[in-house]
C-alpha atoms as a PDB file:
ATOM      1  CA  MET A   1      98.979  74.258 -86.925  1.00  0.00           C
ATOM      2  CA  SER A   2      96.517  71.341 -87.360  1.00  0.00           C
ATOM      3  CA  ASP A   3      97.248  68.042 -85.390  1.00  0.00           C
ATOM      4  CA  THR A   4      97.811  66.395 -88.395  1.00  0.00           C
ATOM      5  CA  SER A   5     100.625  68.767 -89.278  1.00  0.00           C
ATOM      6  CA  LEU A   6     101.907  68.536 -85.722  1.00  0.00           C
ATOM      7  CA  THR A   7     102.245  64.633 -86.146  1.00  0.00           C
ATOM      8  CA  TRP A   8     103.873  65.032 -89.361  1.00  0.00           C
ATOM      9  CA  ALA A   9     106.569  67.508 -88.109  1.00  0.00           C
ATOM     10  CA  ALA A  10     107.125  65.241 -84.820  1.00  0.00           C
ATOM     11  CA  ARG A  11     107.685  62.065 -86.989  1.00  0.00           C
ATOM     12  CA  ASP A  12     109.956  64.047 -89.261  1.00  0.00           C
ATOM     13  CA  ALA A  13     111.771  65.289 -86.271  1.00  0.00           C
ATOM     14  CA  SER A  14     112.113  61.888 -84.704  1.00  0.00           C
ATOM     15  CA  ALA A  15     113.808  60.914 -87.947  1.00  0.00           C
ATOM     16  CA  MET A  16     116.232  63.571 -87.753  1.00  0.00           C
ATOM     17  CA  ILE A  17     116.909  62.633 -84.153  1.00  0.00           C
ATOM     18  CA  GLY A  18     117.620  59.137 -85.229  1.00  0.00           C
ATOM     19  CA  ARG A  19     120.018  60.387 -88.239  1.00  0.00           C
ATOM     20  CA  GLN A  20     122.081  62.687 -85.830  1.00  0.00           C
ATOM     21  CA  ALA A  21     122.862  59.778 -83.546  1.00  0.00           C
ATOM     22  CA  THR A  22     123.910  57.665 -86.512  1.00  0.00           C
ATOM     23  CA  ARG A  23     126.128  60.474 -87.521  1.00  0.00           C
ATOM     24  CA  LEU A  24     127.635  60.421 -83.826  1.00  0.00           C
ATOM     25  CA  ARG A  25     128.475  56.844 -84.232  1.00  0.00           C
ATOM     26  CA  HIS A  26     130.372  57.569 -87.637  1.00  0.00           C
ATOM     27  CA  ALA A  27     132.185  60.629 -85.941  1.00  0.00           C
ATOM     28  CA  PRO A  28     134.182  59.043 -83.030  1.00  0.00           C
ATOM     29  CA  GLY A  29     136.489  61.967 -82.699  1.00  0.00           C
ATOM     30  CA  LEU A  30     133.601  64.436 -82.382  1.00  0.00           C
ATOM     31  CA  LEU A  31     132.001  62.339 -79.877  1.00  0.00           C
ATOM     32  CA  ALA A  32     135.411  61.661 -77.909  1.00  0.00           C
ATOM     33  CA  MET A  33     136.285  65.548 -77.960  1.00  0.00           C
ATOM     34  CA  THR A  34     133.007  66.366 -76.441  1.00  0.00           C
ATOM     35  CA  LEU A  35     132.928  63.692 -73.888  1.00  0.00           C
ATOM     36  CA  THR A  36     136.643  63.943 -72.575  1.00  0.00           C
ATOM     37  CA  ALA A  37     137.439  67.804 -73.100  1.00  0.00           C
ATOM     38  CA  PRO A  38     135.648  68.640 -69.836  1.00  0.00           C
ATOM     39  CA  LEU A  39     137.347  65.670 -68.151  1.00  0.00           C
ATOM     40  CA  LEU A  40     140.824  67.099 -69.056  1.00  0.00           C
ATOM     41  CA  MET A  41     139.638  70.528 -67.700  1.00  0.00           C
ATOM     42  CA  LEU A  42     138.680  68.830 -64.570  1.00  0.00           C
ATOM     43  CA  VAL A  43     141.757  67.186 -64.020  1.00  0.00           C
ATOM     44  CA  LEU A  44     143.873  70.364 -65.212  1.00  0.00           C
ATOM     45  CA  PHE A  45     142.198  72.806 -63.238  1.00  0.00           C
ATOM     46  CA  GLY A  46     141.341  70.594 -60.147  1.00  0.00           C
ATOM     47  CA  TYR A  47     144.502  69.246 -59.590  1.00  0.00           C
ATOM     48  CA  LEU A  48     147.159  71.819 -61.246  1.00  0.00           C
ATOM     49  CA  PHE A  49     145.441  75.054 -60.581  1.00  0.00           C
ATOM     50  CA  GLY A  50     143.259  74.378 -57.543  1.00  0.00           C
ATOM     51  CA  SER A  51     145.862  75.019 -54.844  1.00  0.00           C
ATOM     52  CA  ALA A  52     146.518  78.459 -56.247  1.00  0.00           C
ATOM     53  CA  ILE A  53     142.898  79.607 -56.395  1.00  0.00           C
ATOM     54  CA  ASP A  54     141.065  81.148 -53.402  1.00  0.00           C
ATOM     55  CA  VAL A  55     137.457  80.290 -53.058  1.00  0.00           C
ATOM     56  CA  PRO A  56     135.346  82.744 -51.334  1.00  0.00           C
ATOM     57  CA  GLY A  57     134.486  81.267 -47.670  1.00  0.00           C
ATOM     58  CA  GLY A  58     137.392  78.782 -47.877  1.00  0.00           C
ATOM     59  CA  GLY A  59     135.428  76.056 -49.785  1.00  0.00           C
ATOM     60  CA  ASN A  60     136.798  73.253 -51.988  1.00  0.00           C
ATOM     61  CA  TYR A  61     137.881  74.236 -55.393  1.00  0.00           C
ATOM     62  CA  ARG A  62     136.951  71.153 -56.809  1.00  0.00           C
ATOM     63  CA  GLU A  63     133.394  71.518 -55.439  1.00  0.00           C
ATOM     64  CA  TYR A  64     133.410  75.168 -56.960  1.00  0.00           C
ATOM     65  CA  LEU A  65     134.805  73.962 -60.182  1.00  0.00           C
ATOM     66  CA  VAL A  66     132.533  70.959 -61.105  1.00  0.00           C
ATOM     67  CA  PRO A  67     129.431  72.720 -61.645  1.00  0.00           C
ATOM     68  CA  GLY A  68     131.279  75.163 -63.868  1.00  0.00           C
ATOM     69  CA  LEU A  69     132.255  72.426 -66.165  1.00  0.00           C
ATOM     70  CA  LEU A  70     128.871  70.512 -66.210  1.00  0.00           C
ATOM     71  CA  VAL A  71     127.644  74.145 -67.629  1.00  0.00           C
ATOM     72  CA  SER A  72     130.519  74.034 -70.207  1.00  0.00           C
ATOM     73  CA  VAL A  73     129.152  70.799 -71.490  1.00  0.00           C
ATOM     74  CA  SER A  74     125.967  72.899 -72.352  1.00  0.00           C
ATOM     75  CA  THR A  75     127.935  75.472 -73.954  1.00  0.00           C
ATOM     76  CA  LEU A  76     129.392  72.834 -76.211  1.00  0.00           C
ATOM     77  CA  GLY A  77     126.285  73.136 -78.286  1.00  0.00           C
ATOM     78  CA  ILE A  78     127.607  76.234 -80.257  1.00  0.00           C
ATOM     79  CA  PHE A  79     130.544  74.376 -81.458  1.00  0.00           C
ATOM     80  CA  THR A  80     128.838  71.132 -82.244  1.00  0.00           C
ATOM     81  CA  GLY A  81     125.654  72.900 -83.791  1.00  0.00           C
ATOM     82  CA  THR A  82     127.693  75.175 -85.999  1.00  0.00           C
ATOM     83  CA  LEU A  83     129.958  72.366 -87.321  1.00  0.00           C
ATOM     84  CA  GLN A  84     127.394  69.932 -88.212  1.00  0.00           C
ATOM     85  CA  ALA A  85     125.128  72.668 -89.956  1.00  0.00           C
ATOM     86  CA  VAL A  86     127.982  73.825 -91.892  1.00  0.00           C
ATOM     87  CA  GLN A  87     129.176  70.349 -92.804  1.00  0.00           C
ATOM     88  CA  ASP A  88     125.584  69.564 -93.917  1.00  0.00           C
ATOM     89  CA  ARG A  89     125.199  72.501 -96.154  1.00  0.00           C
ATOM     90  CA  GLN A  90     128.693  72.177 -97.627  1.00  0.00           C
ATOM     91  CA  ARG A  91     128.045  68.532 -98.494  1.00  0.00           C
ATOM     92  CA  GLY A  92     124.617  69.247-100.097  1.00  0.00           C
ATOM     93  CA  VAL A  93     122.668  67.451 -97.603  1.00  0.00           C
ATOM     94  CA  MET A  94     120.372  70.145 -96.684  1.00  0.00           C
ATOM     95  CA  ASP A  95     119.505  70.545-100.485  1.00  0.00           C
ATOM     96  CA  ARG A  96     118.642  66.833-100.380  1.00  0.00           C
ATOM     97  CA  PHE A  97     116.720  67.266 -97.212  1.00  0.00           C
ATOM     98  CA  ARG A  98     114.746  70.148 -98.875  1.00  0.00           C
ATOM     99  CA  THR A  99     113.601  67.872-101.999  1.00  0.00           C
ATOM    100  CA  LEU A 100     111.912  65.579 -99.614  1.00  0.00           C
ATOM    101  CA  PRO A 101     108.321  65.750 -98.569  1.00  0.00           C
ATOM    102  CA  MET A 102     108.890  66.538 -94.958  1.00  0.00           C
ATOM    103  CA  SER A 103     108.218  69.380 -92.462  1.00  0.00           C
ATOM    104  CA  ARG A 104     110.873  72.547 -92.996  1.00  0.00           C
ATOM    105  CA  SER A 105     111.672  72.533 -88.974  1.00  0.00           C
ATOM    106  CA  ALA A 106     112.112  68.922 -88.823  1.00  0.00           C
ATOM    107  CA  VAL A 107     116.164  69.162 -89.709  1.00  0.00           C
ATOM    108  CA  PRO A 108     116.914  71.924 -86.888  1.00  0.00           C
ATOM    109  CA  VAL A 109     114.471  70.716 -84.193  1.00  0.00           C
ATOM    110  CA  GLY A 110     115.824  66.996 -84.792  1.00  0.00           C
ATOM    111  CA  GLN A 111     119.414  68.316 -84.541  1.00  0.00           C
ATOM    112  CA  ALA A 112     118.444  70.248 -81.529  1.00  0.00           C
ATOM    113  CA  VAL A 113     117.021  67.623 -79.668  1.00  0.00           C
ATOM    114  CA  ALA A 114     119.919  65.354 -80.393  1.00  0.00           C
ATOM    115  CA  GLU A 115     122.310  67.749 -78.823  1.00  0.00           C
ATOM    116  CA  VAL A 116     120.475  67.695 -75.406  1.00  0.00           C
ATOM    117  CA  LEU A 117     120.617  63.737 -75.690  1.00  0.00           C
ATOM    118  CA  LEU A 118     124.421  64.050 -76.255  1.00  0.00           C
ATOM    119  CA  ALA A 119     124.737  66.483 -73.272  1.00  0.00           C
ATOM    120  CA  ALA A 120     122.729  64.327 -71.001  1.00  0.00           C
ATOM    121  CA  VAL A 121     125.362  61.472 -71.719  1.00  0.00           C
ATOM    122  CA  GLY A 122     128.289  63.802 -71.371  1.00  0.00           C
ATOM    123  CA  LEU A 123     127.225  65.032 -68.085  1.00  0.00           C
ATOM    124  CA  VAL A 124     127.430  61.228 -66.776  1.00  0.00           C
ATOM    125  CA  PRO A 125     131.129  60.738 -66.709  1.00  0.00           C
ATOM    126  CA  LEU A 126     132.172  64.169 -65.586  1.00  0.00           C
ATOM    127  CA  ALA A 127     129.749  64.010 -62.783  1.00  0.00           C
ATOM    128  CA  LEU A 128     131.041  60.683 -61.688  1.00  0.00           C
ATOM    129  CA  VAL A 129     134.587  61.670 -62.153  1.00  0.00           C
ATOM    130  CA  GLY A 130     133.707  65.026 -60.142  1.00  0.00           C
ATOM    131  CA  LEU A 131     132.392  62.893 -57.171  1.00  0.00           C
ATOM    132  CA  ALA A 132     135.441  60.934 -57.149  1.00  0.00           C
ATOM    133  CA  MET A 133     137.436  64.062 -56.862  1.00  0.00           C
ATOM    134  CA  GLY A 134     135.370  65.481 -53.974  1.00  0.00           C
ATOM    135  CA  TRP A 135     132.425  67.187 -55.220  1.00  0.00           C
ATOM    136  CA  ARG A 136     129.056  66.285 -53.558  1.00  0.00           C
ATOM    137  CA  ILE A 137     125.402  67.063 -54.057  1.00  0.00           C
ATOM    138  CA  ARG A 138     124.215  68.442 -50.870  1.00  0.00           C
ATOM    139  CA  HIS A 139     120.666  69.566 -51.459  1.00  0.00           C
ATOM    140  CA  GLY A 140     119.110  66.139 -52.207  1.00  0.00           C
ATOM    141  CA  VAL A 141     117.613  64.759 -55.585  1.00  0.00           C
ATOM    142  CA  GLY A 142     114.867  67.388 -56.118  1.00  0.00           C
ATOM    143  CA  PRO A 143     117.158  70.335 -56.324  1.00  0.00           C
ATOM    144  CA  ALA A 144     119.741  68.280 -58.182  1.00  0.00           C
ATOM    145  CA  LEU A 145     117.152  67.053 -61.147  1.00  0.00           C
ATOM    146  CA  GLY A 146     116.506  70.841 -61.127  1.00  0.00           C
ATOM    147  CA  ALA A 147     120.021  71.630 -61.916  1.00  0.00           C
ATOM    148  CA  ILE A 148     120.174  68.976 -64.488  1.00  0.00           C
ATOM    149  CA  GLY A 149     117.144  70.400 -66.167  1.00  0.00           C
ATOM    150  CA  LEU A 150     118.723  73.866 -66.500  1.00  0.00           C
ATOM    151  CA  LEU A 151     122.079  72.398 -67.910  1.00  0.00           C
ATOM    152  CA  LEU A 152     120.062  70.741 -70.517  1.00  0.00           C
ATOM    153  CA  LEU A 153     117.754  73.810 -71.332  1.00  0.00           C
ATOM    154  CA  PHE A 154     120.859  75.710 -71.674  1.00  0.00           C
ATOM    155  CA  ARG A 155     122.200  73.002 -74.021  1.00  0.00           C
ATOM    156  CA  LEU A 156     119.112  73.383 -75.959  1.00  0.00           C
ATOM    157  CA  ALA A 157     119.666  77.178 -76.400  1.00  0.00           C
ATOM    158  CA  THR A 158     123.249  76.884 -77.222  1.00  0.00           C
ATOM    159  CA  ALA A 159     122.558  74.203 -80.008  1.00  0.00           C
ATOM    160  CA  TRP A 160     120.061  76.708 -81.701  1.00  0.00           C
ATOM    161  CA  ILE A 161     122.692  79.380 -81.392  1.00  0.00           C
ATOM    162  CA  GLY A 162     125.107  76.975 -82.875  1.00  0.00           C
ATOM    163  CA  GLN A 163     122.759  75.944 -85.939  1.00  0.00           C
ATOM    164  CA  TYR A 164     122.094  79.493 -86.898  1.00  0.00           C
ATOM    165  CA  LEU A 165     126.012  80.350 -86.878  1.00  0.00           C
ATOM    166  CA  GLY A 166     126.110  77.298 -89.145  1.00  0.00           C
ATOM    167  CA  THR A 167     123.773  79.038 -91.688  1.00  0.00           C
ATOM    168  CA  VAL A 168     125.986  82.068 -91.621  1.00  0.00           C
ATOM    169  CA  VAL A 169     129.350  80.942 -91.898  1.00  0.00           C
ATOM    170  CA  LYS A 170     131.008  79.987 -95.144  1.00  0.00           C
ATOM    171  CA  ASN A 171     132.900  76.654 -94.632  1.00  0.00           C
ATOM    172  CA  GLU A 172     134.099  74.409 -92.093  1.00  0.00           C
ATOM    173  CA  GLU A 173     137.408  76.500 -91.484  1.00  0.00           C
ATOM    174  CA  ALA A 174     135.419  79.251 -90.605  1.00  0.00           C
ATOM    175  CA  ALA A 175     133.034  77.398 -88.436  1.00  0.00           C
ATOM    176  CA  GLY A 176     136.008  75.981 -86.367  1.00  0.00           C
ATOM    177  CA  GLN A 177     137.616  79.601 -85.786  1.00  0.00           C
ATOM    178  CA  LEU A 178     133.880  80.591 -84.641  1.00  0.00           C
ATOM    179  CA  ALA A 179     133.156  77.655 -82.492  1.00  0.00           C
ATOM    180  CA  ALA A 180     136.342  78.657 -80.438  1.00  0.00           C
ATOM    181  CA  LEU A 181     133.981  80.744 -78.749  1.00  0.00           C
ATOM    182  CA  THR A 182     132.749  77.802 -76.949  1.00  0.00           C
ATOM    183  CA  PHE A 183     136.105  77.663 -74.985  1.00  0.00           C
ATOM    184  CA  VAL A 184     136.568  81.301 -74.624  1.00  0.00           C
ATOM    185  CA  LEU A 185     133.239  82.330 -73.253  1.00  0.00           C
ATOM    186  CA  PRO A 186     133.472  80.179 -70.165  1.00  0.00           C
ATOM    187  CA  MET A 187     136.768  81.967 -69.356  1.00  0.00           C
ATOM    188  CA  LEU A 188     134.671  85.241 -69.125  1.00  0.00           C
ATOM    189  CA  SER A 189     132.411  83.970 -66.493  1.00  0.00           C
ATOM    190  CA  ASN A 190     132.485  82.315 -63.173  1.00  0.00           C
ATOM    191  CA  THR A 191     133.375  78.906 -64.189  1.00  0.00           C
ATOM    192  CA  TYR A 192     136.928  78.667 -62.908  1.00  0.00           C
ATOM    193  CA  VAL A 193     137.533  81.743 -60.828  1.00  0.00           C
ATOM    194  CA  PRO A 194     135.239  83.976 -58.761  1.00  0.00           C
ATOM    195  CA  THR A 195     134.398  86.971 -60.348  1.00  0.00           C
ATOM    196  CA  ALA A 196     134.886  89.068 -56.843  1.00  0.00           C
ATOM    197  CA  GLY A 197     138.596  89.324 -57.694  1.00  0.00           C
ATOM    198  CA  MET A 198     138.110  90.511 -61.229  1.00  0.00           C
ATOM    199  CA  PRO A 199     138.502  94.563 -62.232  1.00  0.00           C
ATOM    200  CA  GLY A 200     135.106  96.160 -62.117  1.00  0.00           C
ATOM    201  CA  TRP A 201     134.433  96.192 -66.000  1.00  0.00           C
ATOM    202  CA  LEU A 202     135.572  92.697 -66.303  1.00  0.00           C
ATOM    203  CA  ARG A 203     133.178  91.680 -63.501  1.00  0.00           C
ATOM    204  CA  PHE A 204     130.389  93.406 -64.840  1.00  0.00           C
ATOM    205  CA  LEU A 205     130.967  91.476 -68.287  1.00  0.00           C
ATOM    206  CA  ALA A 206     131.530  88.018 -66.413  1.00  0.00           C
ATOM    207  CA  GLU A 207     128.342  88.444 -64.260  1.00  0.00           C
ATOM    208  CA  TRP A 208     126.086  89.558 -67.207  1.00  0.00           C
ATOM    209  CA  ASN A 209     127.387  86.584 -69.135  1.00  0.00           C
ATOM    210  CA  PRO A 210     124.685  83.966 -69.281  1.00  0.00           C
ATOM    211  CA  ILE A 211     126.996  81.056 -68.526  1.00  0.00           C
ATOM    212  CA  SER A 212     127.651  82.862 -65.033  1.00  0.00           C
ATOM    213  CA  ALA A 213     123.943  82.746 -64.342  1.00  0.00           C
ATOM    214  CA  VAL A 214     123.714  79.155 -65.074  1.00  0.00           C
ATOM    215  CA  VAL A 215     126.970  78.054 -63.391  1.00  0.00           C
ATOM    216  CA  GLY A 216     125.785  79.970 -59.948  1.00  0.00           C
ATOM    217  CA  ALA A 217     122.161  78.507 -60.279  1.00  0.00           C
ATOM    218  CA  CYS A 218     123.908  74.785 -60.367  1.00  0.00           C
ATOM    219  CA  ARG A 219     126.038  75.774 -57.358  1.00  0.00           C
ATOM    220  CA  ASP A 220     122.907  76.844 -55.693  1.00  0.00           C
ATOM    221  CA  LEU A 221     121.018  73.855 -56.554  1.00  0.00           C
ATOM    222  CA  PHE A 222     123.539  71.266 -56.013  1.00  0.00           C
ATOM    223  CA  GLY A 223     124.269  72.800 -52.429  1.00  0.00           C
ATOM    224  CA  ASN A 224     127.739  74.185 -53.335  1.00  0.00           C
ATOM    225  CA  THR A 225     126.843  77.681 -52.161  1.00  0.00           C
ATOM    226  CA  ALA A 226     129.429  77.917 -49.365  1.00  0.00           C
ATOM    227  CA  ALA A 227     132.139  77.422 -51.980  1.00  0.00           C
ATOM    228  CA  ALA A 228     130.512  80.040 -54.221  1.00  0.00           C
ATOM    229  CA  ALA A 229     129.751  82.709 -51.650  1.00  0.00           C
ATOM    230  CA  ALA A 230     131.008  86.092 -52.598  1.00  0.00           C
ATOM    231  CA  ALA A 231     129.753  89.883 -52.325  1.00  0.00           C
ATOM    232  CA  HIS A 232     127.681  90.470 -55.817  1.00  0.00           C
ATOM    233  CA  SER A 233     126.788  93.396 -57.574  1.00  0.00           C
ATOM    234  CA  SER A 234     124.674  92.369 -60.319  1.00  0.00           C
ATOM    235  CA  TRP A 235     121.125  91.187 -60.462  1.00  0.00           C
ATOM    236  CA  PRO A 236     122.192  87.715 -62.299  1.00  0.00           C
ATOM    237  CA  ALA A 237     124.614  86.998 -59.880  1.00  0.00           C
ATOM    238  CA  GLU A 238     122.099  87.752 -57.060  1.00  0.00           C
ATOM    239  CA  HIS A 239     119.370  85.579 -58.624  1.00  0.00           C
ATOM    240  CA  PRO A 240     121.212  83.032 -60.649  1.00  0.00           C
ATOM    241  CA  ILE A 241     118.225  80.800 -61.191  1.00  0.00           C
ATOM    242  CA  ALA A 242     115.833  83.154 -62.525  1.00  0.00           C
ATOM    243  CA  ALA A 243     118.568  84.729 -64.514  1.00  0.00           C
ATOM    244  CA  SER A 244     119.273  81.223 -65.971  1.00  0.00           C
ATOM    245  CA  LEU A 245     115.668  80.662 -67.119  1.00  0.00           C
ATOM    246  CA  LEU A 246     115.489  83.991 -68.707  1.00  0.00           C
ATOM    247  CA  TRP A 247     118.602  83.759 -70.570  1.00  0.00           C
ATOM    248  CA  SER A 248     117.672  80.355 -71.780  1.00  0.00           C
ATOM    249  CA  ALA A 249     114.065  81.734 -73.009  1.00  0.00           C
ATOM    250  CA  LEU A 250     115.534  84.914 -74.555  1.00  0.00           C
ATOM    251  CA  LEU A 251     118.058  82.845 -76.514  1.00  0.00           C
ATOM    252  CA  LEU A 252     115.764  80.228 -77.584  1.00  0.00           C
ATOM    253  CA  ALA A 253     112.997  83.116 -78.441  1.00  0.00           C
ATOM    254  CA  VAL A 254     115.717  84.752 -80.832  1.00  0.00           C
ATOM    255  CA  PHE A 255     117.662  81.778 -82.412  1.00  0.00           C
ATOM    256  CA  VAL A 256     114.577  79.208 -82.828  1.00  0.00           C
ATOM    257  CA  PRO A 257     112.930  81.648 -85.550  1.00  0.00           C
ATOM    258  CA  LEU A 258     115.992  82.843 -86.897  1.00  0.00           C
ATOM    259  CA  THR A 259     117.367  79.253 -87.465  1.00  0.00           C
ATOM    260  CA  ILE A 260     114.178  78.277 -89.171  1.00  0.00           C
ATOM    261  CA  ARG A 261     113.756  81.292 -91.313  1.00  0.00           C
ATOM    262  CA  ARG A 262     117.356  81.113 -92.324  1.00  0.00           C
ATOM    263  CA  TYR A 263     116.663  77.470 -93.334  1.00  0.00           C
ATOM    264  CA  VAL A 264     113.634  78.210 -95.058  1.00  0.00           C
ATOM    265  CA  ARG A 265     114.893  80.888 -97.072  1.00  0.00           C
ATOM    266  CA  ASP A 266     118.123  79.440 -98.199  1.00  0.00           C
ATOM    267  CA  GLY A 267     115.839  76.602 -99.648  1.00  0.00           C
ATOM    268  CA  ARG A 268     113.996  78.879-102.050  1.00  0.00           C
END
């Protein structure tokens, strides 16, 4: 691709990022849900269920919980990506974009980058409330920035998953049902409870869930390892940072070309 083509694609993608920001301002319900749902889960699990859940090593459950909920913000990319892609297709927005002299990848790239920016905003109130509830960053600024980088990288990957699903499902109702996976998948991980107490088959599934790898990596980088310590049996659980990077790279390698190819093919 020539420098001129790259500049053209970057300019078009920037326009799509601005379009997504404007879109969110006109969809306060979606914005409020993505910002407040993790806060509600923090209060619900942290105060109502926290005393009933044993953390390996006797750590503070809220300190164990917050990194998991930060990852849940990243997982929301599946929900928002799916819903917005279906809405654009059903309302004819995609067809109008395809008639314009713009890069074919600009729309999905712009939406994916906008999702990352939305996630960055969503992490702030959750982190602040978590700090107020007893969560602490114990390994300094550098590792904490690494954890934030992993969170945003994972949000980028889930945004592409959501956009691909949005090109496959038929309508907004089906998109809403499919996007419910956003709330189910963290349940099948180490987000809310340690995997050590799960039955063997369920523990295997939970520890190989990409969400578990990112949660484990964030706990390590934020310094919440004492609360998360447990006997592990799988490679992702033993090496969560490496597993997080590999999972994110794999998801991007699969869903970026699939989404762009689907978008281009549907326009023919």
